[in-house]
Amino acid sequence: MRTGIEVKDSSATFWWTVAAVLFLVGLSFFVSFNFLQRIITSHADTLATMTASVVGFLGFTLTIWQLRQTRTAAQAARKASDDVRQSFVHYDTFIELGRAKESLSALKILHRDGSWAIACDRYQLARHALATVRDLHVGLPASAQLSIEASIEELSRINRLVERYLANVTSRPPNAADLNTSLSGQIDSIHDIETALRKRL
C-alpha cells in the first residue's frame, strides 16, 4: 500500500508536468506569433502590391464583362428595332400593292363604260402606289423591280392616250379591250410580286 507521502509526491509530479506542458505551449505560441508578425511586417509592401494587383484584375475583368453585356443588349435592341421597321415596311408594301390592284381593276370597268375623264384620276393613283412600292426598298428581286417600272410606264402611256382623246387631239377613243388586256397583265404581275414577298417573310 502507498503511503501518504508517496501520494503527495505523485500528485505534485503530475501538476508540475501539466505546468511544464502549458509553459511550452505558451512559449511556442508566443514564438510563432512573433515570427509570423515579423514576416507580415517585412513583406507588407509585397502583400499590399499583390492585393492591389488582384483587386485591379478583378475590377478590370468585371468592367470587360459589363461592356460585353451592354454591347450585347444594344445589339439585341438594334436588331429588334430593325425587325419592327422591316415589318412596317412590308406592311406598307402590301397596302400599296393592294391599292394598285384596286385602281387597276376599277380602271378596267371605267374603260368598258367609256368613263375616260374619271379614268385619268385612277391612272395617277395606280402609278403613285407602284412608285411607293418601288421606293420602299423591301429587297424585291430585279425581275419584280423591272415589272413595277414597266407597269408605271405603261400606265403613263395609257394616260397620255386618254388625255389626247379628251383634248380632242384624236377623234376616236382608245380601244378599251386592248387597254384592259394590258391592265390584266399588270394585275397578274402585282399578284406574283405579293406571292414572292410572302415567301420571304
N, C-alpha and C. Protein backbone atom coordinates (compact mmCIF):
# COMPACT_ATOMS: atom_id res chain seq x y z
N MET A 1 0.84 -1.20 0.00
CA MET A 1 0.00 0.00 0.00
C MET A 1 0.87 1.25 0.00
N ARG A 2 0.34 2.31 -0.81
CA ARG A 2 1.10 3.55 -0.85
C ARG A 2 0.90 4.32 0.43
N THR A 3 1.96 5.00 0.80
CA THR A 3 1.89 5.85 1.99
C THR A 3 1.39 7.21 1.58
N GLY A 4 1.05 8.07 2.50
CA GLY A 4 0.58 9.42 2.20
C GLY A 4 1.62 10.26 1.54
N ILE A 5 2.88 10.02 1.89
CA ILE A 5 3.98 10.80 1.28
C ILE A 5 4.10 10.49 -0.19
N GLU A 6 3.95 9.18 -0.57
CA GLU A 6 4.06 8.77 -1.96
C GLU A 6 2.93 9.38 -2.81
N VAL A 7 1.71 9.44 -2.23
CA VAL A 7 0.56 10.03 -2.95
C VAL A 7 0.81 11.51 -3.22
N LYS A 8 1.32 12.21 -2.21
CA LYS A 8 1.60 13.64 -2.39
C LYS A 8 2.67 13.86 -3.42
N ASP A 9 3.73 13.02 -3.44
CA ASP A 9 4.79 13.17 -4.43
C ASP A 9 4.26 12.93 -5.84
N SER A 10 3.39 11.96 -5.98
CA SER A 10 2.82 11.66 -7.31
C SER A 10 1.93 12.80 -7.80
N SER A 11 1.14 13.37 -6.93
CA SER A 11 0.26 14.48 -7.30
C SER A 11 1.07 15.72 -7.67
N ALA A 12 2.12 15.95 -6.93
CA ALA A 12 2.97 17.11 -7.22
C ALA A 12 3.65 16.96 -8.57
N THR A 13 4.09 15.74 -8.86
CA THR A 13 4.75 15.48 -10.15
C THR A 13 3.78 15.72 -11.30
N PHE A 14 2.55 15.30 -11.13
CA PHE A 14 1.52 15.49 -12.18
C PHE A 14 1.30 16.97 -12.48
N TRP A 15 1.14 17.75 -11.44
CA TRP A 15 0.86 19.17 -11.65
C TRP A 15 2.08 19.91 -12.21
N TRP A 16 3.27 19.48 -11.78
CA TRP A 16 4.47 20.09 -12.37
C TRP A 16 4.56 19.75 -13.88
N THR A 17 4.13 18.58 -14.22
CA THR A 17 4.16 18.17 -15.64
C THR A 17 3.17 19.00 -16.45
N VAL A 18 1.97 19.16 -15.90
CA VAL A 18 0.96 19.98 -16.59
C VAL A 18 1.45 21.41 -16.76
N ALA A 19 2.06 21.95 -15.71
CA ALA A 19 2.57 23.32 -15.78
C ALA A 19 3.65 23.45 -16.84
N ALA A 20 4.52 22.43 -16.91
CA ALA A 20 5.60 22.47 -17.90
C ALA A 20 5.03 22.43 -19.32
N VAL A 21 4.00 21.58 -19.52
CA VAL A 21 3.39 21.47 -20.86
C VAL A 21 2.73 22.79 -21.26
N LEU A 22 2.01 23.40 -20.33
CA LEU A 22 1.35 24.67 -20.61
C LEU A 22 2.36 25.76 -20.92
N PHE A 23 3.47 25.73 -20.17
CA PHE A 23 4.52 26.71 -20.42
C PHE A 23 5.10 26.56 -21.82
N LEU A 24 5.37 25.30 -22.20
CA LEU A 24 5.93 25.06 -23.53
C LEU A 24 4.95 25.46 -24.63
N VAL A 25 3.66 25.17 -24.44
CA VAL A 25 2.64 25.55 -25.44
C VAL A 25 2.58 27.07 -25.57
N GLY A 26 2.57 27.77 -24.43
CA GLY A 26 2.52 29.23 -24.47
C GLY A 26 3.74 29.81 -25.13
N LEU A 27 4.92 29.22 -24.79
CA LEU A 27 6.15 29.70 -25.40
C LEU A 27 6.14 29.50 -26.91
N SER A 28 5.65 28.33 -27.35
CA SER A 28 5.59 28.04 -28.79
C SER A 28 4.65 29.02 -29.50
N PHE A 29 3.53 29.28 -28.86
CA PHE A 29 2.56 30.21 -29.46
C PHE A 29 3.16 31.62 -29.56
N PHE A 30 3.86 32.04 -28.51
CA PHE A 30 4.47 33.37 -28.50
C PHE A 30 5.52 33.50 -29.59
N VAL A 31 6.38 32.46 -29.69
CA VAL A 31 7.43 32.48 -30.70
C VAL A 31 6.83 32.49 -32.10
N SER A 32 5.79 31.63 -32.32
CA SER A 32 5.17 31.55 -33.65
C SER A 32 4.50 32.87 -34.01
N PHE A 33 3.82 33.49 -33.05
CA PHE A 33 3.13 34.76 -33.31
C PHE A 33 4.12 35.85 -33.69
N ASN A 34 5.25 35.91 -32.92
CA ASN A 34 6.28 36.92 -33.22
C ASN A 34 6.90 36.69 -34.59
N PHE A 35 7.11 35.40 -34.92
CA PHE A 35 7.72 35.08 -36.21
C PHE A 35 6.79 35.47 -37.36
N LEU A 36 5.50 35.15 -37.19
CA LEU A 36 4.52 35.49 -38.22
C LEU A 36 4.37 37.01 -38.37
N GLN A 37 4.42 37.70 -37.23
CA GLN A 37 4.30 39.16 -37.27
C GLN A 37 5.47 39.79 -38.00
N ARG A 38 6.67 39.23 -37.76
CA ARG A 38 7.86 39.75 -38.45
C ARG A 38 7.76 39.53 -39.96
N ILE A 39 7.24 38.35 -40.35
CA ILE A 39 7.11 38.06 -41.79
C ILE A 39 6.15 39.04 -42.44
N ILE A 40 5.00 39.26 -41.74
CA ILE A 40 4.00 40.16 -42.31
C ILE A 40 4.54 41.58 -42.41
N THR A 41 5.29 41.99 -41.34
CA THR A 41 5.84 43.35 -41.32
C THR A 41 6.89 43.54 -42.40
N SER A 42 7.75 42.53 -42.56
CA SER A 42 8.84 42.65 -43.53
C SER A 42 8.34 42.55 -44.97
N HIS A 43 7.19 41.93 -45.16
CA HIS A 43 6.67 41.77 -46.52
C HIS A 43 5.36 42.54 -46.72
N ALA A 44 5.15 43.57 -45.93
CA ALA A 44 3.89 44.33 -46.02
C ALA A 44 3.72 44.96 -47.39
N ASP A 45 4.80 45.54 -47.94
CA ASP A 45 4.70 46.18 -49.25
C ASP A 45 4.36 45.17 -50.34
N THR A 46 5.00 44.01 -50.25
CA THR A 46 4.74 42.97 -51.25
C THR A 46 3.30 42.50 -51.19
N LEU A 47 2.80 42.28 -49.96
CA LEU A 47 1.42 41.83 -49.80
C LEU A 47 0.44 42.90 -50.30
N ALA A 48 0.75 44.15 -50.01
CA ALA A 48 -0.12 45.23 -50.47
C ALA A 48 -0.15 45.29 -51.99
N THR A 49 1.01 45.13 -52.60
CA THR A 49 1.09 45.15 -54.06
C THR A 49 0.30 44.01 -54.68
N MET A 50 0.48 42.80 -54.08
CA MET A 50 -0.24 41.64 -54.59
C MET A 50 -1.75 41.82 -54.44
N THR A 51 -2.15 42.37 -53.29
CA THR A 51 -3.58 42.59 -53.06
C THR A 51 -4.14 43.59 -54.07
N ALA A 52 -3.39 44.67 -54.30
CA ALA A 52 -3.84 45.68 -55.26
C ALA A 52 -3.93 45.10 -56.66
N SER A 53 -2.99 44.23 -57.01
CA SER A 53 -2.99 43.61 -58.34
C SER A 53 -4.21 42.72 -58.52
N VAL A 54 -4.49 41.92 -57.48
CA VAL A 54 -5.65 41.03 -57.56
C VAL A 54 -6.94 41.83 -57.68
N VAL A 55 -7.07 42.89 -56.85
CA VAL A 55 -8.27 43.72 -56.90
C VAL A 55 -8.40 44.41 -58.26
N GLY A 56 -7.27 44.90 -58.78
CA GLY A 56 -7.29 45.55 -60.09
C GLY A 56 -7.69 44.59 -61.19
N PHE A 57 -7.16 43.37 -61.15
CA PHE A 57 -7.50 42.37 -62.16
C PHE A 57 -8.99 42.03 -62.12
N LEU A 58 -9.51 41.84 -60.88
CA LEU A 58 -10.94 41.54 -60.75
C LEU A 58 -11.80 42.69 -61.25
N GLY A 59 -11.39 43.93 -60.94
CA GLY A 59 -12.14 45.09 -61.41
C GLY A 59 -12.12 45.21 -62.93
N PHE A 60 -10.95 44.96 -63.53
CA PHE A 60 -10.83 45.01 -64.99
C PHE A 60 -11.70 43.94 -65.65
N THR A 61 -11.67 42.72 -65.07
CA THR A 61 -12.49 41.63 -65.60
C THR A 61 -13.97 41.97 -65.52
N LEU A 62 -14.38 42.55 -64.39
CA LEU A 62 -15.78 42.93 -64.23
C LEU A 62 -16.18 44.01 -65.23
N THR A 63 -15.29 44.96 -65.47
CA THR A 63 -15.58 46.02 -66.44
C THR A 63 -15.76 45.46 -67.84
N ILE A 64 -14.86 44.55 -68.24
CA ILE A 64 -14.97 43.92 -69.56
C ILE A 64 -16.29 43.17 -69.69
N TRP A 65 -16.64 42.45 -68.63
CA TRP A 65 -17.90 41.68 -68.67
C TRP A 65 -19.10 42.61 -68.81
N GLN A 66 -19.09 43.73 -68.07
CA GLN A 66 -20.20 44.67 -68.16
C GLN A 66 -20.29 45.30 -69.56
N LEU A 67 -19.12 45.59 -70.16
CA LEU A 67 -19.11 46.16 -71.50
C LEU A 67 -19.68 45.17 -72.51
N ARG A 68 -19.32 43.90 -72.37
CA ARG A 68 -19.84 42.88 -73.27
C ARG A 68 -21.35 42.74 -73.12
N GLN A 69 -21.82 42.79 -71.87
CA GLN A 69 -23.26 42.69 -71.64
C GLN A 69 -23.99 43.89 -72.24
N THR A 70 -23.40 45.08 -72.09
CA THR A 70 -24.01 46.29 -72.63
C THR A 70 -24.05 46.23 -74.15
N ARG A 71 -22.95 45.78 -74.77
CA ARG A 71 -22.92 45.70 -76.23
C ARG A 71 -23.92 44.68 -76.73
N THR A 72 -24.03 43.54 -76.03
CA THR A 72 -25.00 42.52 -76.43
C THR A 72 -26.41 43.05 -76.34
N ALA A 73 -26.71 43.78 -75.27
CA ALA A 73 -28.05 44.35 -75.11
C ALA A 73 -28.33 45.39 -76.20
N ALA A 74 -27.32 46.19 -76.52
CA ALA A 74 -27.50 47.21 -77.56
C ALA A 74 -27.73 46.56 -78.92
N GLN A 75 -26.99 45.49 -79.20
CA GLN A 75 -27.17 44.80 -80.47
C GLN A 75 -28.55 44.17 -80.55
N ALA A 76 -29.01 43.59 -79.45
CA ALA A 76 -30.35 42.99 -79.43
C ALA A 76 -31.43 44.05 -79.65
N ALA A 77 -31.25 45.21 -79.01
CA ALA A 77 -32.23 46.30 -79.17
C ALA A 77 -32.23 46.82 -80.60
N ARG A 78 -31.02 46.93 -81.19
CA ARG A 78 -30.93 47.41 -82.57
C ARG A 78 -31.59 46.42 -83.53
N LYS A 79 -31.37 45.13 -83.30
CA LYS A 79 -31.97 44.12 -84.16
C LYS A 79 -33.49 44.14 -84.04
N ALA A 80 -33.98 44.28 -82.80
CA ALA A 80 -35.43 44.34 -82.60
C ALA A 80 -36.01 45.55 -83.31
N SER A 81 -35.29 46.69 -83.23
CA SER A 81 -35.77 47.90 -83.90
C SER A 81 -35.79 47.71 -85.42
N ASP A 82 -34.73 47.07 -85.96
CA ASP A 82 -34.68 46.82 -87.40
C ASP A 82 -35.80 45.88 -87.83
N ASP A 83 -36.07 44.87 -87.01
CA ASP A 83 -37.14 43.92 -87.34
C ASP A 83 -38.50 44.61 -87.37
N VAL A 84 -38.72 45.49 -86.38
CA VAL A 84 -40.00 46.22 -86.34
C VAL A 84 -40.13 47.13 -87.56
N ARG A 85 -39.04 47.84 -87.86
CA ARG A 85 -39.07 48.74 -89.02
C ARG A 85 -39.32 47.96 -90.31
N GLN A 86 -38.66 46.80 -90.44
CA GLN A 86 -38.84 45.98 -91.64
C GLN A 86 -40.26 45.46 -91.73
N SER A 87 -40.85 45.14 -90.58
CA SER A 87 -42.24 44.66 -90.57
C SER A 87 -43.19 45.74 -91.07
N PHE A 88 -42.94 47.00 -90.63
CA PHE A 88 -43.78 48.10 -91.10
C PHE A 88 -43.59 48.33 -92.60
N VAL A 89 -42.34 48.17 -93.06
CA VAL A 89 -42.08 48.36 -94.49
C VAL A 89 -42.83 47.31 -95.31
N HIS A 90 -42.78 46.06 -94.85
CA HIS A 90 -43.50 45.01 -95.57
C HIS A 90 -45.00 45.26 -95.53
N TYR A 91 -45.50 45.72 -94.39
CA TYR A 91 -46.93 46.01 -94.27
C TYR A 91 -47.32 47.12 -95.25
N ASP A 92 -46.53 48.19 -95.30
CA ASP A 92 -46.82 49.28 -96.24
C ASP A 92 -46.76 48.81 -97.68
N THR A 93 -45.82 47.90 -97.96
CA THR A 93 -45.70 47.39 -99.32
C THR A 93 -46.96 46.65 -99.76
N PHE A 94 -47.47 45.78 -98.89
CA PHE A 94 -48.69 45.05 -99.23
C PHE A 94 -49.88 46.00 -99.36
N ILE A 95 -49.93 47.04 -98.53
CA ILE A 95 -51.02 48.02 -98.63
C ILE A 95 -50.98 48.71 -100.00
N GLU A 96 -49.79 49.15 -100.40
CA GLU A 96 -49.67 49.87 -101.68
C GLU A 96 -49.93 48.95 -102.86
N LEU A 97 -49.48 47.71 -102.79
CA LEU A 97 -49.77 46.77 -103.87
C LEU A 97 -51.28 46.52 -103.97
N GLY A 98 -51.94 46.44 -102.83
CA GLY A 98 -53.39 46.28 -102.84
C GLY A 98 -54.09 47.48 -103.46
N ARG A 99 -53.60 48.68 -103.15
CA ARG A 99 -54.18 49.88 -103.74
C ARG A 99 -53.98 49.89 -105.26
N ALA A 100 -52.81 49.48 -105.70
CA ALA A 100 -52.54 49.46 -107.13
C ALA A 100 -53.48 48.49 -107.85
N LYS A 101 -53.66 47.30 -107.27
CA LYS A 101 -54.58 46.33 -107.89
C LYS A 101 -56.01 46.85 -107.90
N GLU A 102 -56.42 47.49 -106.82
CA GLU A 102 -57.77 48.05 -106.75
C GLU A 102 -57.98 49.11 -107.83
N SER A 103 -56.99 49.98 -108.01
CA SER A 103 -57.10 51.03 -109.02
C SER A 103 -57.13 50.43 -110.43
N LEU A 104 -56.32 49.42 -110.68
CA LEU A 104 -56.29 48.79 -112.00
C LEU A 104 -57.61 48.09 -112.30
N SER A 105 -58.17 47.42 -111.30
CA SER A 105 -59.46 46.75 -111.50
C SER A 105 -60.56 47.78 -111.79
N ALA A 106 -60.51 48.90 -111.06
CA ALA A 106 -61.50 49.96 -111.30
C ALA A 106 -61.33 50.56 -112.69
N LEU A 107 -60.09 50.68 -113.16
CA LEU A 107 -59.83 51.23 -114.49
C LEU A 107 -60.42 50.35 -115.59
N LYS A 108 -60.36 49.07 -115.40
CA LYS A 108 -60.94 48.18 -116.40
C LYS A 108 -62.44 48.43 -116.57
N ILE A 109 -63.12 48.66 -115.45
CA ILE A 109 -64.55 48.95 -115.51
C ILE A 109 -64.79 50.30 -116.19
N LEU A 110 -63.98 51.30 -115.83
CA LEU A 110 -64.13 52.63 -116.42
C LEU A 110 -63.87 52.59 -117.92
N HIS A 111 -62.92 51.78 -118.35
CA HIS A 111 -62.64 51.65 -119.78
C HIS A 111 -63.84 51.06 -120.50
N ARG A 112 -64.41 50.01 -119.93
CA ARG A 112 -65.57 49.37 -120.58
C ARG A 112 -66.75 50.33 -120.66
N ASP A 113 -66.89 51.19 -119.61
CA ASP A 113 -68.02 52.13 -119.59
C ASP A 113 -67.73 53.39 -120.39
N GLY A 114 -66.49 53.56 -120.83
CA GLY A 114 -66.14 54.77 -121.57
C GLY A 114 -66.04 55.99 -120.68
N SER A 115 -65.79 55.79 -119.38
CA SER A 115 -65.67 56.92 -118.44
C SER A 115 -64.21 57.39 -118.42
N TRP A 116 -63.79 58.02 -119.50
CA TRP A 116 -62.39 58.35 -119.68
C TRP A 116 -61.92 59.47 -118.75
N ALA A 117 -62.76 60.43 -118.47
CA ALA A 117 -62.35 61.53 -117.59
C ALA A 117 -62.09 61.04 -116.17
N ILE A 118 -62.95 60.14 -115.70
CA ILE A 118 -62.75 59.59 -114.35
C ILE A 118 -61.51 58.69 -114.33
N ALA A 119 -61.27 58.00 -115.45
CA ALA A 119 -60.14 57.09 -115.52
C ALA A 119 -58.81 57.82 -115.35
N CYS A 120 -58.76 59.07 -115.80
CA CYS A 120 -57.48 59.80 -115.72
C CYS A 120 -57.00 59.93 -114.27
N ASP A 121 -57.92 60.14 -113.33
CA ASP A 121 -57.52 60.23 -111.92
C ASP A 121 -57.02 58.89 -111.40
N ARG A 122 -57.62 57.82 -111.87
CA ARG A 122 -57.22 56.48 -111.41
C ARG A 122 -55.83 56.09 -111.89
N TYR A 123 -55.44 56.56 -113.04
CA TYR A 123 -54.08 56.26 -113.53
C TYR A 123 -53.04 56.81 -112.56
N GLN A 124 -53.30 58.03 -112.11
CA GLN A 124 -52.37 58.68 -111.18
C GLN A 124 -52.28 57.90 -109.87
N LEU A 125 -53.42 57.43 -109.35
CA LEU A 125 -53.42 56.67 -108.09
C LEU A 125 -52.63 55.37 -108.24
N ALA A 126 -52.84 54.68 -109.34
CA ALA A 126 -52.14 53.41 -109.55
C ALA A 126 -50.64 53.62 -109.68
N ARG A 127 -50.24 54.66 -110.43
CA ARG A 127 -48.81 54.95 -110.59
C ARG A 127 -48.17 55.31 -109.25
N HIS A 128 -48.88 56.11 -108.45
CA HIS A 128 -48.34 56.53 -107.16
C HIS A 128 -48.14 55.33 -106.25
N ALA A 129 -49.08 54.41 -106.22
CA ALA A 129 -48.96 53.22 -105.36
C ALA A 129 -47.76 52.37 -105.78
N LEU A 130 -47.60 52.16 -107.08
CA LEU A 130 -46.48 51.35 -107.58
C LEU A 130 -45.14 52.06 -107.33
N ALA A 131 -45.11 53.37 -107.48
CA ALA A 131 -43.87 54.11 -107.22
C ALA A 131 -43.49 54.02 -105.74
N THR A 132 -44.48 54.02 -104.86
CA THR A 132 -44.21 53.88 -103.42
C THR A 132 -43.59 52.53 -103.13
N VAL A 133 -44.12 51.47 -103.73
CA VAL A 133 -43.55 50.13 -103.55
C VAL A 133 -42.11 50.10 -104.04
N ARG A 134 -41.87 50.73 -105.17
CA ARG A 134 -40.50 50.77 -105.73
C ARG A 134 -39.53 51.47 -104.79
N ASP A 135 -39.99 52.51 -104.10
CA ASP A 135 -39.10 53.32 -103.27
C ASP A 135 -38.98 52.83 -101.83
N LEU A 136 -39.76 51.82 -101.45
CA LEU A 136 -39.70 51.33 -100.07
C LEU A 136 -38.48 50.45 -99.80
N HIS A 137 -37.83 49.96 -100.83
CA HIS A 137 -36.61 49.16 -100.69
C HIS A 137 -36.84 47.93 -99.79
N VAL A 138 -37.76 47.07 -100.20
CA VAL A 138 -38.05 45.87 -99.42
C VAL A 138 -37.26 44.66 -99.91
N GLY A 139 -36.26 44.90 -100.72
CA GLY A 139 -35.45 43.78 -101.20
C GLY A 139 -36.14 42.99 -102.30
N LEU A 140 -36.89 43.68 -103.17
CA LEU A 140 -37.54 42.99 -104.28
C LEU A 140 -36.50 42.48 -105.27
N PRO A 141 -36.74 41.31 -105.85
CA PRO A 141 -35.80 40.83 -106.88
C PRO A 141 -35.81 41.75 -108.09
N ALA A 142 -34.78 41.64 -108.90
CA ALA A 142 -34.65 42.54 -110.05
C ALA A 142 -35.83 42.41 -111.00
N SER A 143 -36.33 41.19 -111.18
CA SER A 143 -37.47 40.99 -112.09
C SER A 143 -38.70 41.73 -111.60
N ALA A 144 -38.92 41.75 -110.27
CA ALA A 144 -40.07 42.47 -109.72
C ALA A 144 -39.91 43.98 -109.90
N GLN A 145 -38.69 44.47 -109.69
CA GLN A 145 -38.43 45.90 -109.89
C GLN A 145 -38.70 46.30 -111.34
N LEU A 146 -38.24 45.47 -112.28
CA LEU A 146 -38.47 45.76 -113.70
C LEU A 146 -39.95 45.73 -114.03
N SER A 147 -40.68 44.79 -113.42
CA SER A 147 -42.12 44.69 -113.66
C SER A 147 -42.85 45.93 -113.17
N ILE A 148 -42.45 46.44 -112.00
CA ILE A 148 -43.08 47.65 -111.47
C ILE A 148 -42.78 48.85 -112.36
N GLU A 149 -41.54 48.97 -112.80
CA GLU A 149 -41.17 50.09 -113.68
C GLU A 149 -41.95 50.02 -115.00
N ALA A 150 -42.11 48.80 -115.52
CA ALA A 150 -42.85 48.63 -116.78
C ALA A 150 -44.32 49.00 -116.60
N SER A 151 -44.89 48.65 -115.44
CA SER A 151 -46.30 49.00 -115.18
C SER A 151 -46.48 50.51 -115.08
N ILE A 152 -45.54 51.18 -114.41
CA ILE A 152 -45.63 52.64 -114.29
C ILE A 152 -45.56 53.30 -115.67
N GLU A 153 -44.64 52.82 -116.50
CA GLU A 153 -44.50 53.40 -117.84
C GLU A 153 -45.74 53.12 -118.69
N GLU A 154 -46.30 51.91 -118.57
CA GLU A 154 -47.50 51.57 -119.35
C GLU A 154 -48.69 52.41 -118.93
N LEU A 155 -48.85 52.63 -117.63
CA LEU A 155 -49.94 53.48 -117.15
C LEU A 155 -49.77 54.91 -117.65
N SER A 156 -48.54 55.39 -117.70
CA SER A 156 -48.29 56.74 -118.23
C SER A 156 -48.66 56.80 -119.71
N ARG A 157 -48.33 55.75 -120.45
CA ARG A 157 -48.67 55.72 -121.88
C ARG A 157 -50.18 55.75 -122.08
N ILE A 158 -50.90 54.90 -121.30
CA ILE A 158 -52.37 54.86 -121.43
C ILE A 158 -52.97 56.21 -121.05
N ASN A 159 -52.42 56.79 -119.99
CA ASN A 159 -52.92 58.10 -119.55
C ASN A 159 -52.77 59.15 -120.65
N ARG A 160 -51.66 59.13 -121.35
CA ARG A 160 -51.45 60.09 -122.44
C ARG A 160 -52.46 59.87 -123.57
N LEU A 161 -52.75 58.60 -123.87
CA LEU A 161 -53.74 58.32 -124.92
C LEU A 161 -55.11 58.89 -124.57
N VAL A 162 -55.49 58.67 -123.31
CA VAL A 162 -56.81 59.15 -122.87
C VAL A 162 -56.82 60.68 -122.84
N GLU A 163 -55.74 61.29 -122.37
CA GLU A 163 -55.68 62.76 -122.32
C GLU A 163 -55.78 63.35 -123.72
N ARG A 164 -55.15 62.70 -124.69
CA ARG A 164 -55.21 63.20 -126.07
C ARG A 164 -56.63 63.11 -126.61
N TYR A 165 -57.32 62.03 -126.25
CA TYR A 165 -58.71 61.89 -126.70
C TYR A 165 -59.60 62.94 -126.05
N LEU A 166 -59.43 63.15 -124.75
CA LEU A 166 -60.25 64.14 -124.05
C LEU A 166 -59.95 65.55 -124.53
N ALA A 167 -58.75 65.80 -125.00
CA ALA A 167 -58.38 67.12 -125.50
C ALA A 167 -58.74 67.28 -126.98
N ASN A 168 -59.44 66.30 -127.54
CA ASN A 168 -59.89 66.32 -128.94
C ASN A 168 -58.72 66.31 -129.92
N VAL A 169 -57.58 65.79 -129.44
CA VAL A 169 -56.46 65.65 -130.37
C VAL A 169 -56.74 64.49 -131.31
N THR A 170 -57.39 63.45 -130.78
CA THR A 170 -57.81 62.31 -131.60
C THR A 170 -59.33 62.20 -131.51
N SER A 171 -59.92 61.79 -132.60
CA SER A 171 -61.37 61.70 -132.64
C SER A 171 -61.90 60.36 -132.14
N ARG A 172 -61.09 59.36 -132.24
CA ARG A 172 -61.54 58.04 -131.81
C ARG A 172 -61.04 57.75 -130.40
N PRO A 173 -61.90 57.18 -129.52
CA PRO A 173 -61.47 56.83 -128.16
C PRO A 173 -60.50 55.66 -128.19
N PRO A 174 -59.68 55.51 -127.14
CA PRO A 174 -58.77 54.36 -127.08
C PRO A 174 -59.55 53.05 -127.09
N ASN A 175 -58.90 52.01 -127.54
CA ASN A 175 -59.53 50.69 -127.59
C ASN A 175 -59.56 50.12 -126.17
N ALA A 176 -60.75 50.03 -125.59
CA ALA A 176 -60.91 49.58 -124.20
C ALA A 176 -60.43 48.15 -124.02
N ALA A 177 -60.68 47.29 -124.99
CA ALA A 177 -60.29 45.89 -124.86
C ALA A 177 -58.76 45.76 -124.80
N ASP A 178 -58.08 46.50 -125.66
CA ASP A 178 -56.61 46.43 -125.66
C ASP A 178 -56.05 46.98 -124.33
N LEU A 179 -56.65 48.09 -123.88
CA LEU A 179 -56.16 48.66 -122.62
C LEU A 179 -56.39 47.70 -121.45
N ASN A 180 -57.54 47.06 -121.42
CA ASN A 180 -57.83 46.14 -120.31
C ASN A 180 -56.96 44.89 -120.35
N THR A 181 -56.57 44.47 -121.54
CA THR A 181 -55.65 43.34 -121.63
C THR A 181 -54.31 43.71 -120.99
N SER A 182 -53.86 44.94 -121.24
CA SER A 182 -52.62 45.41 -120.62
C SER A 182 -52.76 45.50 -119.10
N LEU A 183 -53.91 46.02 -118.64
CA LEU A 183 -54.11 46.15 -117.19
C LEU A 183 -54.20 44.78 -116.52
N SER A 184 -54.80 43.81 -117.17
CA SER A 184 -54.89 42.46 -116.60
C SER A 184 -53.50 41.87 -116.41
N GLY A 185 -52.61 42.12 -117.37
CA GLY A 185 -51.24 41.64 -117.23
C GLY A 185 -50.53 42.29 -116.06
N GLN A 186 -50.80 43.57 -115.84
CA GLN A 186 -50.20 44.27 -114.70
C GLN A 186 -50.73 43.73 -113.37
N ILE A 187 -52.02 43.43 -113.32
CA ILE A 187 -52.59 42.86 -112.09
C ILE A 187 -51.95 41.51 -111.79
N ASP A 188 -51.75 40.70 -112.81
CA ASP A 188 -51.09 39.39 -112.61
C ASP A 188 -49.66 39.58 -112.10
N SER A 189 -48.96 40.58 -112.63
CA SER A 189 -47.58 40.83 -112.18
C SER A 189 -47.55 41.24 -110.72
N ILE A 190 -48.51 42.08 -110.31
CA ILE A 190 -48.58 42.50 -108.90
C ILE A 190 -48.86 41.30 -108.01
N HIS A 191 -49.74 40.41 -108.46
CA HIS A 191 -50.03 39.21 -107.67
C HIS A 191 -48.77 38.36 -107.50
N ASP A 192 -47.96 38.25 -108.55
CA ASP A 192 -46.71 37.49 -108.46
C ASP A 192 -45.74 38.14 -107.47
N ILE A 193 -45.70 39.47 -107.46
CA ILE A 193 -44.83 40.18 -106.51
C ILE A 193 -45.28 39.92 -105.08
N GLU A 194 -46.59 39.96 -104.83
CA GLU A 194 -47.11 39.69 -103.48
C GLU A 194 -46.74 38.27 -103.04
N THR A 195 -46.86 37.32 -103.94
CA THR A 195 -46.53 35.93 -103.59
C THR A 195 -45.04 35.80 -103.26
N ALA A 196 -44.19 36.46 -104.03
CA ALA A 196 -42.74 36.40 -103.77
C ALA A 196 -42.41 37.01 -102.42
N LEU A 197 -43.07 38.13 -102.08
CA LEU A 197 -42.80 38.78 -100.79
C LEU A 197 -43.26 37.90 -99.63
N ARG A 198 -44.41 37.25 -99.76
CA ARG A 198 -44.91 36.39 -98.67
C ARG A 198 -43.94 35.23 -98.43
N LYS A 199 -43.32 34.72 -99.45
CA LYS A 199 -42.38 33.62 -99.29
C LYS A 199 -41.12 34.06 -98.56
N ARG A 200 -40.80 35.34 -98.64
CA ARG A 200 -39.59 35.86 -97.97
C ARG A 200 -39.82 36.16 -96.49
N LEU A 201 -41.09 36.26 -96.06
CA LEU A 201 -41.39 36.61 -94.69
C LEU A 201 -41.23 35.41 -93.76
